[in-house]
C-alpha atoms as a PDB file:
ATOM      1  CA  MET A   1     -38.040  -3.078  -0.886  1.00  0.00           C
ATOM      2  CA  SER A   2     -36.458  -1.779  -3.978  1.00  0.00           C
ATOM      3  CA  ARG A   3     -32.957  -1.145  -1.795  1.00  0.00           C
ATOM      4  CA  PHE A   4     -31.489  -2.365   1.112  1.00  0.00           C
ATOM      5  CA  LEU A   5     -27.894  -2.029   2.874  1.00  0.00           C
ATOM      6  CA  ILE A   6     -25.482  -4.674   4.033  1.00  0.00           C
ATOM      7  CA  VAL A   7     -23.355  -3.663   6.681  1.00  0.00           C
ATOM      8  CA  LEU A   8     -19.719  -5.416   7.145  1.00  0.00           C
ATOM      9  CA  PRO A   9     -19.154  -7.341   9.546  1.00  0.00           C
ATOM     10  CA  ASP A  10     -22.444  -6.349  11.552  1.00  0.00           C
ATOM     11  CA  ASP A  11     -24.648  -8.589   8.949  1.00  0.00           C
ATOM     12  CA  SER A  12     -21.729 -11.265   7.846  1.00  0.00           C
ATOM     13  CA  ALA A  13     -21.551 -12.709   4.572  1.00  0.00           C
ATOM     14  CA  ARG A  14     -25.240 -14.270   4.975  1.00  0.00           C
ATOM     15  CA  PRO A  15     -26.937 -12.029   2.917  1.00  0.00           C
ATOM     16  CA  ILE A  16     -24.550 -12.703  -0.235  1.00  0.00           C
ATOM     17  CA  LEU A  17     -24.463 -16.461   0.209  1.00  0.00           C
ATOM     18  CA  ASP A  18     -28.362 -16.424   0.291  1.00  0.00           C
ATOM     19  CA  SER A  19     -28.552 -14.523  -2.766  1.00  0.00           C
ATOM     20  CA  ILE A  20     -26.019 -16.807  -4.503  1.00  0.00           C
ATOM     21  CA  ASN A  21     -27.769 -19.647  -3.191  1.00  0.00           C
ATOM     22  CA  ARG A  22     -31.200 -18.750  -4.451  1.00  0.00           C
ATOM     23  CA  ALA A  23     -30.090 -17.684  -7.965  1.00  0.00           C
ATOM     24  CA  THR A  24     -31.680 -19.972 -10.264  1.00  0.00           C
ATOM     25  CA  LYS A  25     -30.801 -18.393 -13.881  1.00  0.00           C
ATOM     26  CA  SER A  26     -27.626 -16.849 -13.910  1.00  0.00           C
ATOM     27  CA  LEU A  27     -24.826 -14.937 -11.928  1.00  0.00           C
ATOM     28  CA  ARG A  28     -22.793 -12.125 -12.918  1.00  0.00           C
ATOM     29  CA  ILE A  29     -19.958 -11.318 -10.813  1.00  0.00           C
ATOM     30  CA  LYS A  30     -16.897  -8.581 -11.187  1.00  0.00           C
ATOM     31  CA  MET A  31     -14.496  -8.594  -8.195  1.00  0.00           C
ATOM     32  CA  PHE A  32     -11.182  -7.207  -7.234  1.00  0.00           C
ATOM     33  CA  VAL A  33      -9.797  -9.896  -4.487  1.00  0.00           C
ATOM     34  CA  PHE A  34     -11.834 -13.273  -4.541  1.00  0.00           C
ATOM     35  CA  SER A  35     -10.382 -15.464  -1.764  1.00  0.00           C
ATOM     36  CA  ASP A  36     -13.288 -16.335   0.782  1.00  0.00           C
ATOM     37  CA  PRO A  37     -13.995 -20.173   0.833  1.00  0.00           C
ATOM     38  CA  ALA A  38     -17.499 -19.919   1.678  1.00  0.00           C
ATOM     39  CA  LEU A  39     -18.501 -17.625  -1.353  1.00  0.00           C
ATOM     40  CA  LEU A  40     -16.269 -19.400  -3.288  1.00  0.00           C
ATOM     41  CA  ASN A  41     -17.807 -22.828  -2.585  1.00  0.00           C
ATOM     42  CA  ALA A  42     -21.459 -21.378  -2.847  1.00  0.00           C
ATOM     43  CA  VAL A  43     -20.394 -20.159  -6.749  1.00  0.00           C
ATOM     44  CA  ILE A  44     -19.402 -23.289  -7.363  1.00  0.00           C
ATOM     45  CA  ALA A  45     -22.225 -24.834  -6.207  1.00  0.00           C
ATOM     46  CA  ALA A  46     -24.895 -22.482  -8.239  1.00  0.00           C
ATOM     47  CA  HIS A  47     -22.944 -23.800 -11.555  1.00  0.00           C
ATOM     48  CA  GLN A  48     -23.364 -27.130 -10.544  1.00  0.00           C
ATOM     49  CA  ARG A  49     -26.928 -26.980 -10.473  1.00  0.00           C
ATOM     50  CA  GLY A  50     -26.937 -25.485 -13.512  1.00  0.00           C
ATOM     51  CA  VAL A  51     -26.964 -21.146 -13.149  1.00  0.00           C
ATOM     52  CA  ALA A  52     -24.546 -19.498 -15.579  1.00  0.00           C
ATOM     53  CA  VAL A  53     -21.888 -17.895 -13.666  1.00  0.00           C
ATOM     54  CA  ARG A  54     -19.335 -15.906 -15.499  1.00  0.00           C
ATOM     55  CA  VAL A  55     -16.639 -14.095 -13.488  1.00  0.00           C
ATOM     56  CA  MET A  56     -13.769 -11.582 -13.803  1.00  0.00           C
ATOM     57  CA  LEU A  57     -11.613 -11.198 -11.732  1.00  0.00           C
ATOM     58  CA  ASN A  58      -8.545  -8.364 -11.877  1.00  0.00           C
ATOM     59  CA  PRO A  59      -5.515 -10.298 -12.470  1.00  0.00           C
ATOM     60  CA  ALA A  60      -3.459  -8.085 -10.327  1.00  0.00           C
ATOM     61  CA  ARG A  61      -2.661  -4.676  -7.948  1.00  0.00           C
ATOM     62  CA  ARG A  62      -0.227  -2.313  -9.698  1.00  0.00           C
ATOM     63  CA  THR A  63       2.508  -3.854  -7.547  1.00  0.00           C
ATOM     64  CA  GLY A  64       2.036  -6.782  -9.797  1.00  0.00           C
ATOM     65  CA  GLU A  65       0.708  -8.968  -6.647  1.00  0.00           C
ATOM     66  CA  SER A  66      -1.591 -11.505  -7.748  1.00  0.00           C
ATOM     67  CA  GLU A  67      -4.376 -12.838  -4.778  1.00  0.00           C
ATOM     68  CA  ASN A  68      -6.909 -14.327  -6.976  1.00  0.00           C
ATOM     69  CA  GLU A  69      -4.976 -17.251  -8.727  1.00  0.00           C
ATOM     70  CA  GLU A  70      -6.681 -20.196  -6.215  1.00  0.00           C
ATOM     71  CA  ALA A  71     -10.002 -19.103  -6.951  1.00  0.00           C
ATOM     72  CA  ARG A  72      -9.480 -18.807 -10.645  1.00  0.00           C
ATOM     73  CA  ALA A  73      -7.808 -22.121 -10.513  1.00  0.00           C
ATOM     74  CA  ARG A  74     -10.868 -23.844  -8.497  1.00  0.00           C
ATOM     75  CA  LEU A  75     -13.650 -21.828 -10.401  1.00  0.00           C
ATOM     76  CA  THR A  76     -11.732 -22.996 -14.004  1.00  0.00           C
ATOM     77  CA  GLU A  77     -11.174 -26.599 -12.432  1.00  0.00           C
ATOM     78  CA  ALA A  78     -14.881 -26.654 -11.824  1.00  0.00           C
ATOM     79  CA  GLY A  79     -16.307 -25.645 -15.256  1.00  0.00           C
ATOM     80  CA  VAL A  80     -17.225 -21.918 -14.007  1.00  0.00           C
ATOM     81  CA  GLU A  81     -16.429 -19.108 -17.122  1.00  0.00           C
ATOM     82  CA  VAL A  82     -13.530 -16.943 -15.974  1.00  0.00           C
ATOM     83  CA  ILE A  83     -11.862 -14.166 -17.293  1.00  0.00           C
ATOM     84  CA  ASP A  84      -9.597 -11.209 -16.675  1.00  0.00           C
ATOM     85  CA  SER A  85     -11.278  -7.915 -15.866  1.00  0.00           C
ATOM     86  CA  ASN A  86     -10.766  -5.611 -18.994  1.00  0.00           C
ATOM     87  CA  PRO A  87      -7.079  -4.751 -19.752  1.00  0.00           C
ATOM     88  CA  ALA A  88      -8.103  -1.023 -20.933  1.00  0.00           C
ATOM     89  CA  PHE A  89      -8.209  -0.101 -17.122  1.00  0.00           C
ATOM     90  CA  GLY A  90      -4.927  -0.179 -15.002  1.00  0.00           C
ATOM     91  CA  LEU A  91      -7.073  -2.172 -12.146  1.00  0.00           C
ATOM     92  CA  THR A  92     -10.630  -3.104 -12.218  1.00  0.00           C
ATOM     93  CA  HIS A  93     -11.516  -2.124  -8.805  1.00  0.00           C
ATOM     94  CA  GLU A  94     -15.309  -2.604  -9.015  1.00  0.00           C
ATOM     95  CA  LYS A  95     -16.820  -5.063  -6.717  1.00  0.00           C
ATOM     96  CA  SER A  96     -20.161  -6.293  -7.979  1.00  0.00           C
ATOM     97  CA  MET A  97     -22.594  -8.766  -8.475  1.00  0.00           C
ATOM     98  CA  VAL A  98     -26.111  -9.471 -10.398  1.00  0.00           C
ATOM     99  CA  VAL A  99     -28.026 -12.201  -9.634  1.00  0.00           C
ATOM    100  CA  ASP A 100     -30.732 -13.886 -12.305  1.00  0.00           C
ATOM    101  CA  ASP A 101     -30.681 -10.207 -14.186  1.00  0.00           C
ATOM    102  CA  THR A 102     -32.900  -8.530 -11.327  1.00  0.00           C
ATOM    103  CA  GLN A 103     -30.532  -7.874  -8.493  1.00  0.00           C
ATOM    104  CA  ALA A 104     -27.612  -6.182  -7.945  1.00  0.00           C
ATOM    105  CA  PHE A 105     -24.738  -6.310  -5.573  1.00  0.00           C
ATOM    106  CA  VAL A 106     -22.586  -2.922  -5.420  1.00  0.00           C
ATOM    107  CA  LYS A 107     -20.272  -3.003  -2.680  1.00  0.00           C
ATOM    108  CA  SER A 108     -17.003  -1.580  -0.868  1.00  0.00           C
ATOM    109  CA  LEU A 109     -16.064  -4.896  -0.139  1.00  0.00           C
ATOM    110  CA  ASN A 110     -13.740  -7.932  -1.486  1.00  0.00           C
ATOM    111  CA  TRP A 111     -14.810 -11.278  -1.169  1.00  0.00           C
ATOM    112  CA  ALA A 112     -12.326 -12.132   1.286  1.00  0.00           C
ATOM    113  CA  THR A 113     -12.793 -13.335   4.819  1.00  0.00           C
ATOM    114  CA  GLU A 114     -10.612 -10.185   6.437  1.00  0.00           C
ATOM    115  CA  ASN A 115     -13.571  -7.869   4.714  1.00  0.00           C
ATOM    116  CA  LEU A 116     -16.502 -10.342   5.755  1.00  0.00           C
ATOM    117  CA  THR A 117     -15.372 -10.266   9.150  1.00  0.00           C
ATOM    118  CA  ALA A 118     -12.888  -7.837  10.344  1.00  0.00           C
ATOM    119  CA  THR A 119     -13.295  -4.218   8.219  1.00  0.00           C
ATOM    120  CA  ARG A 120     -15.685  -1.814   8.194  1.00  0.00           C
ATOM    121  CA  ASP A 121     -17.749  -1.824   4.780  1.00  0.00           C
ATOM    122  CA  TYR A 122     -20.932  -1.855   2.778  1.00  0.00           C
ATOM    123  CA  ALA A 123     -22.752  -3.221   0.460  1.00  0.00           C
ATOM    124  CA  VAL A 124     -25.894  -1.508  -1.391  1.00  0.00           C
ATOM    125  CA  VAL A 125     -28.277  -4.286  -2.680  1.00  0.00           C
ATOM    126  CA  THR A 126     -31.027  -2.970  -5.688  1.00  0.00           C
ATOM    127  CA  SER A 127     -33.498  -4.125  -7.770  1.00  0.00           C
ATOM    128  CA  ARG A 128     -34.362  -1.387  -9.875  1.00  0.00           C
ATOM    129  CA  GLU A 129     -34.778  -2.449 -13.102  1.00  0.00           C
ATOM    130  CA  ALA A 130     -32.748   0.883 -14.444  1.00  0.00           C
ATOM    131  CA  GLU A 131     -29.625   0.076 -12.116  1.00  0.00           C
ATOM    132  CA  VAL A 132     -29.665  -3.863 -12.664  1.00  0.00           C
ATOM    133  CA  GLN A 133     -29.452  -3.298 -16.601  1.00  0.00           C
ATOM    134  CA  GLU A 134     -27.013  -0.524 -16.201  1.00  0.00           C
ATOM    135  CA  ILE A 135     -24.435  -2.930 -14.101  1.00  0.00           C
ATOM    136  CA  ILE A 136     -25.268  -5.620 -16.970  1.00  0.00           C
ATOM    137  CA  ASP A 137     -24.520  -3.697 -19.628  1.00  0.00           C
ATOM    138  CA  CYS A 138     -21.046  -2.388 -18.187  1.00  0.00           C
ATOM    139  CA  PHE A 139     -20.397  -5.993 -17.372  1.00  0.00           C
ATOM    140  CA  GLU A 140     -21.047  -7.357 -20.977  1.00  0.00           C
ATOM    141  CA  ALA A 141     -19.324  -4.408 -22.171  1.00  0.00           C
ATOM    142  CA  ASP A 142     -16.133  -5.354 -20.102  1.00  0.00           C
ATOM    143  CA  TRP A 143     -16.526  -8.991 -20.740  1.00  0.00           C
ATOM    144  CA  SER A 144     -16.306  -8.616 -24.568  1.00  0.00           C
ATOM    145  CA  ARG A 145     -13.591  -5.633 -24.337  1.00  0.00           C
ATOM    146  CA  GLU A 146     -15.998  -3.092 -25.652  1.00  0.00           C
ATOM    147  CA  ASN A 147     -16.502   0.516 -24.532  1.00  0.00           C
ATOM    148  CA  PHE A 148     -19.100   1.117 -22.215  1.00  0.00           C
ATOM    149  CA  ASP A 149     -20.576   4.632 -21.416  1.00  0.00           C
ATOM    150  CA  PRO A 150     -23.384   5.154 -19.086  1.00  0.00           C
ATOM    151  CA  GLY A 151     -24.090   8.330 -20.507  1.00  0.00           C
ATOM    152  CA  GLN A 152     -25.332  11.783 -19.392  1.00  0.00           C
ATOM    153  CA  ARG A 153     -28.349  10.328 -17.685  1.00  0.00           C
ATOM    154  CA  ALA A 154     -26.627   7.163 -15.900  1.00  0.00           C
ATOM    155  CA  HIS A 155     -28.107   6.195 -12.713  1.00  0.00           C
ATOM    156  CA  LEU A 156     -24.915   5.108 -11.211  1.00  0.00           C
ATOM    157  CA  ILE A 157     -21.212   6.244 -10.459  1.00  0.00           C
ATOM    158  CA  TRP A 158     -18.726   4.824 -12.908  1.00  0.00           C
ATOM    159  CA  CYS A 159     -14.954   5.578 -13.356  1.00  0.00           C
ATOM    160  CA  PRO A 160     -13.287   6.711 -15.359  1.00  0.00           C
ATOM    161  CA  ALA A 161     -16.681   8.621 -16.593  1.00  0.00           C
ATOM    162  CA  ASN A 162     -18.921  10.461 -13.797  1.00  0.00           C
ATOM    163  CA  GLY A 163     -17.436   9.576 -10.780  1.00  0.00           C
ATOM    164  CA  ARG A 164     -15.379  12.949  -9.472  1.00  0.00           C
ATOM    165  CA  ASP A 165     -18.282  15.092 -10.809  1.00  0.00           C
ATOM    166  CA  ARG A 166     -20.889  12.600  -9.062  1.00  0.00           C
ATOM    167  CA  LEU A 167     -19.062  13.148  -6.116  1.00  0.00           C
ATOM    168  CA  ALA A 168     -18.969  16.370  -6.249  1.00  0.00           C
ATOM    169  CA  GLN A 169     -22.176  16.792  -6.667  1.00  0.00           C
ATOM    170  CA  LEU A 170     -23.129  15.450  -3.347  1.00  0.00           C
ATOM    171  CA  ILE A 171     -20.662  17.171  -1.075  1.00  0.00           C
ATOM    172  CA  ASP A 172     -21.462  20.829  -2.705  1.00  0.00           C
ATOM    173  CA  GLY A 173     -25.146  19.972  -2.069  1.00  0.00           C
ATOM    174  CA  ALA A 174     -24.642  19.374   1.669  1.00  0.00           C
ATOM    175  CA  GLN A 175     -25.947  22.143   3.904  1.00  0.00           C
ATOM    176  CA  HIS A 176     -25.525  21.191   7.429  1.00  0.00           C
ATOM    177  CA  PHE A 177     -23.291  17.886   7.823  1.00  0.00           C
ATOM    178  CA  LEU A 178     -21.049  15.553   5.867  1.00  0.00           C
ATOM    179  CA  PHE A 179     -19.333  12.153   7.177  1.00  0.00           C
ATOM    180  CA  ILE A 180     -17.196  10.512   4.984  1.00  0.00           C
ATOM    181  CA  GLN A 181     -15.151   7.378   5.248  1.00  0.00           C
ATOM    182  CA  ASN A 182     -12.526   6.355   2.994  1.00  0.00           C
ATOM    183  CA  GLU A 183      -8.853   5.090   2.985  1.00  0.00           C
ATOM    184  CA  ARG A 184      -7.143   7.749   1.321  1.00  0.00           C
ATOM    185  CA  TYR A 185      -8.266  11.464   0.395  1.00  0.00           C
ATOM    186  CA  GLN A 186      -5.466  12.389  -2.297  1.00  0.00           C
ATOM    187  CA  ASP A 187      -7.562  13.767  -5.115  1.00  0.00           C
ATOM    188  CA  PRO A 188      -6.723  17.583  -5.319  1.00  0.00           C
ATOM    189  CA  ILE A 189     -10.777  18.118  -6.819  1.00  0.00           C
ATOM    190  CA  MET A 190     -12.448  16.052  -3.806  1.00  0.00           C
ATOM    191  CA  ILE A 191     -10.015  17.806  -1.500  1.00  0.00           C
ATOM    192  CA  GLU A 192     -11.036  20.997  -2.652  1.00  0.00           C
ATOM    193  CA  HIS A 193     -14.645  20.463  -2.449  1.00  0.00           C
ATOM    194  CA  LEU A 194     -14.276  19.290   1.060  1.00  0.00           C
ATOM    195  CA  VAL A 195     -12.409  22.783   1.562  1.00  0.00           C
ATOM    196  CA  ARG A 196     -15.218  24.572   0.376  1.00  0.00           C
ATOM    197  CA  ALA A 197     -17.711  22.544   1.953  1.00  0.00           C
ATOM    198  CA  ALA A 198     -16.025  23.624   5.621  1.00  0.00           C
ATOM    199  CA  ARG A 199     -15.906  26.847   4.689  1.00  0.00           C
ATOM    200  CA  ARG A 200     -19.463  27.531   4.243  1.00  0.00           C
ATOM    201  CA  GLY A 201     -20.269  26.612   7.769  1.00  0.00           C
ATOM    202  CA  VAL A 202     -20.811  22.521   6.951  1.00  0.00           C
ATOM    203  CA  LYS A 203     -19.853  20.312   9.666  1.00  0.00           C
ATOM    204  CA  VAL A 204     -17.765  17.649   8.152  1.00  0.00           C
ATOM    205  CA  HIS A 205     -16.697  14.291   9.829  1.00  0.00           C
ATOM    206  CA  LEU A 206     -14.019  12.354   8.037  1.00  0.00           C
ATOM    207  CA  MET A 207     -12.806   9.131   9.106  1.00  0.00           C
ATOM    208  CA  ALA A 208      -9.516   7.569   7.565  1.00  0.00           C
ATOM    209  CA  ARG A 209      -6.576   5.355   8.395  1.00  0.00           C
ATOM    210  CA  PRO A 210      -3.248   6.280   9.779  1.00  0.00           C
ATOM    211  CA  ALA A 211      -0.502   6.877   7.693  1.00  0.00           C
ATOM    212  CA  HIS A 212       1.748   3.650   8.572  1.00  0.00           C
ATOM    213  CA  THR A 213      -0.636   2.152   6.761  1.00  0.00           C
ATOM    214  CA  LEU A 214      -0.369   3.600   3.050  1.00  0.00           C
ATOM    215  CA  LYS A 215       2.091   2.320   0.334  1.00  0.00           C
ATOM    216  CA  GLU A 216       5.100   4.221   0.239  1.00  0.00           C
ATOM    217  CA  ASP A 217       4.393   6.128  -3.124  1.00  0.00           C
ATOM    218  CA  GLN A 218       0.755   7.038  -1.348  1.00  0.00           C
ATOM    219  CA  LEU A 219       2.351   8.829   1.682  1.00  0.00           C
ATOM    220  CA  THR A 220       3.040  12.263   0.561  1.00  0.00           C
ATOM    221  CA  GLU A 221      -0.390  12.678  -1.171  1.00  0.00           C
ATOM    222  CA  GLY A 222      -2.459  10.849   1.478  1.00  0.00           C
ATOM    223  CA  VAL A 223      -0.721  12.548   4.486  1.00  0.00           C
ATOM    224  CA  GLY A 224      -0.742  15.667   2.357  1.00  0.00           C
ATOM    225  CA  GLY A 225      -4.419  16.089   1.727  1.00  0.00           C
ATOM    226  CA  LEU A 226      -5.570  15.237   5.436  1.00  0.00           C
ATOM    227  CA  ARG A 227      -3.258  17.566   6.886  1.00  0.00           C
ATOM    228  CA  ILE A 228      -4.906  20.038   4.627  1.00  0.00           C
ATOM    229  CA  LEU A 229      -8.352  19.180   5.600  1.00  0.00           C
ATOM    230  CA  HIS A 230      -7.541  19.001   9.139  1.00  0.00           C
ATOM    231  CA  ASP A 231      -5.918  22.893   8.432  1.00  0.00           C
ATOM    232  CA  VAL A 232      -9.522  24.087   7.770  1.00  0.00           C
ATOM    233  CA  GLY A 233     -10.911  22.601  10.936  1.00  0.00           C
ATOM    234  CA  ILE A 234     -12.039  19.477   9.663  1.00  0.00           C
ATOM    235  CA  LYS A 235     -12.311  16.967  12.045  1.00  0.00           C
ATOM    236  CA  ILE A 236     -10.310  13.467  11.208  1.00  0.00           C
ATOM    237  CA  HIS A 237     -10.754  10.083  13.105  1.00  0.00           C
ATOM    238  CA  LYS A 238      -9.467   7.016  12.667  1.00  0.00           C
ATOM    239  CA  LEU A 239     -11.465   3.884  13.321  1.00  0.00           C
ATOM    240  CA  LYS A 240     -10.811   1.528  16.435  1.00  0.00           C
ATOM    241  CA  HIS A 241     -11.609  -2.078  16.911  1.00  0.00           C
ATOM    242  CA  LEU A 242     -12.027  -2.566  12.911  1.00  0.00           C
ATOM    243  CA  LYS A 243     -10.192  -1.680   9.917  1.00  0.00           C
ATOM    244  CA  LEU A 244     -11.513   0.790   7.299  1.00  0.00           C
ATOM    245  CA  HIS A 245     -12.209  -0.272   4.279  1.00  0.00           C
ATOM    246  CA  ALA A 246     -15.203   1.576   3.334  1.00  0.00           C
ATOM    247  CA  LYS A 247     -16.023   3.969   1.051  1.00  0.00           C
ATOM    248  CA  MET A 248     -19.137   6.017   1.780  1.00  0.00           C
ATOM    249  CA  ILE A 249     -19.850   9.557   1.747  1.00  0.00           C
ATOM    250  CA  LEU A 250     -23.351  10.461   3.976  1.00  0.00           C
ATOM    251  CA  ALA A 251     -24.646  14.192   3.292  1.00  0.00           C
ATOM    252  CA  ASP A 252     -27.359  15.572   6.054  1.00  0.00           C
ATOM    253  CA  GLY A 253     -27.849  12.175   6.974  1.00  0.00           C
ATOM    254  CA  ASP A 254     -30.588  11.764   4.289  1.00  0.00           C
ATOM    255  CA  ARG A 255     -28.565  11.071   0.857  1.00  0.00           C
ATOM    256  CA  GLY A 256     -25.464   8.720   1.001  1.00  0.00           C
ATOM    257  CA  ILE A 257     -22.860   7.271  -1.869  1.00  0.00           C
ATOM    258  CA  VAL A 258     -21.610   4.026  -1.125  1.00  0.00           C
ATOM    259  CA  GLY A 259     -18.989   2.066  -3.653  1.00  0.00           C
ATOM    260  CA  SER A 260     -15.785   0.775  -4.395  1.00  0.00           C
ATOM    261  CA  ILE A 261     -14.169   4.533  -5.051  1.00  0.00           C
ATOM    262  CA  ASN A 262     -11.032   5.523  -3.472  1.00  0.00           C
ATOM    263  CA  LEU A 263     -10.909   9.369  -3.226  1.00  0.00           C
ATOM    264  CA  ALA A 264      -7.810   9.453  -5.282  1.00  0.00           C
ATOM    265  CA  PRO A 265      -6.540  10.163  -8.638  1.00  0.00           C
ATOM    266  CA  GLY A 266      -6.212   7.070  -9.980  1.00  0.00           C
ATOM    267  CA  SER A 267      -9.522   5.664  -8.978  1.00  0.00           C
ATOM    268  CA  PHE A 268     -11.325   8.755 -10.589  1.00  0.00           C
ATOM    269  CA  ASP A 269      -9.280   8.426 -14.033  1.00  0.00           C
ATOM    270  CA  SER A 270      -7.825   4.999 -14.769  1.00  0.00           C
ATOM    271  CA  ARG A 271      -9.529   2.312 -12.699  1.00  0.00           C
ATOM    272  CA  ARG A 272     -12.960   0.838 -13.274  1.00  0.00           C
ATOM    273  CA  GLU A 273     -15.028   1.605 -10.211  1.00  0.00           C
ATOM    274  CA  LEU A 274     -18.871   1.655  -8.885  1.00  0.00           C
ATOM    275  CA  ALA A 275     -20.813   3.435  -6.621  1.00  0.00           C
ATOM    276  CA  ILE A 276     -24.406   4.010  -5.834  1.00  0.00           C
ATOM    277  CA  GLU A 277     -26.016   7.402  -4.912  1.00  0.00           C
ATOM    278  CA  MET A 278     -29.300   6.401  -2.215  1.00  0.00           C
ATOM    279  CA  ARG A 279     -32.002   8.521  -0.995  1.00  0.00           C
ATOM    280  CA  ASP A 280     -33.820   5.962   0.437  1.00  0.00           C
ATOM    281  CA  ASP A 281     -34.912   7.017   3.983  1.00  0.00           C
ATOM    282  CA  ASP A 282     -34.377   2.845   5.335  1.00  0.00           C
ATOM    283  CA  VAL A 283     -30.533   3.182   3.801  1.00  0.00           C
ATOM    284  CA  THR A 284     -29.807   6.224   4.795  1.00  0.00           C
ATOM    285  CA  THR A 285     -31.175   6.038   8.303  1.00  0.00           C
ATOM    286  CA  ARG A 286     -28.812   3.064   8.728  1.00  0.00           C
ATOM    287  CA  LEU A 287     -25.891   4.573   7.398  1.00  0.00           C
ATOM    288  CA  HIS A 288     -26.701   7.323   9.769  1.00  0.00           C
ATOM    289  CA  LYS A 289     -26.644   4.995  12.701  1.00  0.00           C
ATOM    290  CA  VAL A 290     -23.753   3.194  11.803  1.00  0.00           C
ATOM    291  CA  ALA A 291     -21.654   6.175  11.394  1.00  0.00           C
ATOM    292  CA  GLN A 292     -23.162   7.652  14.645  1.00  0.00           C
ATOM    293  CA  HIS A 293     -21.717   4.518  16.004  1.00  0.00           C
ATOM    294  CA  ASP A 294     -18.078   4.395  14.187  1.00  0.00           C
ATOM    295  CA  TRP A 295     -17.327   8.275  15.429  1.00  0.00           C
ATOM    296  CA  GLU A 296     -18.383   7.461  18.851  1.00  0.00           C
ATOM    297  CA  ASN A 297     -16.032   4.079  18.610  1.00  0.00           C
ATOM    298  CA  SER A 298     -13.043   6.087  16.817  1.00  0.00           C
ATOM    299  CA  LEU A 299      -9.963   8.344  17.900  1.00  0.00           C
ATOM    300  CA  PRO A 300      -8.711  11.378  16.483  1.00  0.00           C
ATOM    301  CA  LEU A 301      -5.744  11.278  14.059  1.00  0.00           C
ATOM    302  CA  ASP A 302      -3.036  12.490  15.111  1.00  0.00           C
ATOM    303  CA  LEU A 303      -1.631  14.710  11.991  1.00  0.00           C
ATOM    304  CA  SER A 304       1.297  16.743  13.619  1.00  0.00           C
ATOM    305  CA  ASP A 305       4.393  16.418  13.017  1.00  0.00           C
ATOM    306  CA  GLU A 306       5.271  14.656  16.202  1.00  0.00           C
ATOM    307  CA  GLY A 307       1.993  12.332  15.946  1.00  0.00           C
ATOM    308  CA  LEU A 308       2.887  11.038  12.488  1.00  0.00           C
ATOM    309  CA  LEU A 309       6.343  10.060  13.180  1.00  0.00           C
ATOM    310  CA  ALA A 310       5.567   8.117  15.983  1.00  0.00           C
ATOM    311  CA  ASP A 311       2.775   7.074  13.954  1.00  0.00           C
ATOM    312  CA  LEU A 312       5.083   6.014  10.867  1.00  0.00           C
ATOM    313  CA  GLY A 313       7.647   4.568  13.012  1.00  0.00           C
ATOM    314  CA  ASP A 314      10.868   2.995  11.259  1.00  0.00           C
ATOM    315  CA  ARG A 315       8.271   1.803   8.317  1.00  0.00           C
ATOM    316  CA  TYR A 316       9.631   4.339   5.770  1.00  0.00           C
ATOM    317  CA  ALA A 317      13.249   5.137   6.445  1.00  0.00           C
ATOM    318  CA  GLU A 318      12.670   8.235   3.876  1.00  0.00           C
ATOM    319  CA  GLY A 319       8.977   9.244   5.643  1.00  0.00           C
ATOM    320  CA  ALA A 320      10.022  12.428   7.513  1.00  0.00           C
ATOM    321  CA  ALA A 321      12.266  14.057   4.309  1.00  0.00           C
ATOM    322  CA  LYS A 322       9.285  13.160   2.138  1.00  0.00           C
ATOM    323  CA  LEU A 323       6.260  14.466   4.420  1.00  0.00           C
ATOM    324  CA  GLY A 324       8.847  17.803   5.632  1.00  0.00           C
ATOM    325  CA  LEU A 325       8.174  16.493   8.967  1.00  0.00           C
ATOM    326  CA  LYS A 326       9.980  18.307  12.421  1.00  0.00           C
ATOM    327  CA  PRO A 327       9.817  16.714  15.162  1.00  0.00           C
ATOM    328  CA  ASN A 328      10.215  18.571  18.947  1.00  0.00           C
ATOM    329  CA  ASN A 329      12.731  15.408  19.833  1.00  0.00           C
ATOM    330  CA  PRO A 330      15.348  15.037  16.931  1.00  0.00           C
ATOM    331  CA  LYS A 331      16.090  11.566  18.042  1.00  0.00           C
ATOM    332  CA  GLN A 332      12.737  10.528  16.912  1.00  0.00           C
ATOM    333  CA  VAL A 333      14.481  10.979  13.560  1.00  0.00           C
ATOM    334  CA  ARG A 334      16.784   7.828  12.705  1.00  0.00           C
END
C-alpha cells in the first residue's frame, strides 16, 4: 500500500509512534507545535539508538507565543539536532515527517496531545518515491535556508507556491458534491470558487469552527466569509464532541486533499504549508465515511445576527460593531 490514512483521534498516536520506533536510518521532522510527551520520548529514543534525527520547529506564533521551548530543551539536551524553521516565512505551519528516506507523513495535526486525543485531524502516509523525495528536498532547502521551488510538475501541494491553484482546481473539478473541513474560510479566491461550485449545482457541505473560537483580528474575515457562503445556500455545520482542526477537502467522494493549509490568505501567501492530493480508493473511501459520520454528528452553525451575538457573548466587546450585527433585542449588545 503506497498510501494510507490516519484519522485522529480514532487511530491514536500509535501509527506515528510505530513508524518512529521502526526507524533505522533517519528522521526528518518539521513541526508547528511539538509538545506531546510520548512522541518526544520516541524521537529521543530513536536518536539514542543511532538514528540520524533532525527537527525543525516553528519558533513562535504570529502573536509571539512560543510553544516549543520545552521540546527544544529536551531534544537539545539529548543531543538531537534542532533548529528554528526557515525565517523566510512568517510561520512554518507544515507538519511532516520522513522516515528512513522511504516513508513520509503529511499531516493536519500538530504533535500536541490535544491533536492526538481531542481534535478531528488527519495524516496521509505515503511511500511513493517522488512524493517522499519532494518533502526531503524541501526539508533540506529549509534546513540550509535555501530556496525551494517545487516546479510546475510538483507532486505535492506547497505554500507559498501552488497551493491556491491546486485547491481551486479540486473545487472547480467537483461535479456533484464537495465536503470541506477547515477552521477558517477567509481567502476571497477560495470563497469565490466555492460560490461558483454552489451556483453550478454542486452540493457543498462545509464544517467550520464557531465565531468565538476565532482570534479577534480574524473575526471580520472569518465570519464574513462564512456568511457569504451561507447566503448562496451552502450548508455550514459545527462538529459536536470534537474540536475541528482538520484541513480536508473531498470532491465527489473520490478525490481528496489533506494537509496543513487553512483557507486564509496568510496560509497561501506567506507561510510554509504542505498538503497532498489523493485519488486512492481506500483513502478516499475512508475519508468519505468519516465525513458522513462527522456530518451526522454536527449542528448547523447559526450565522444570523442573533446567533452570532449569542455565540460571541462578551468575548469581543467590539464584535457586534465590527460585524455590523443588528440584534432584534438591543439588550444583546453590551
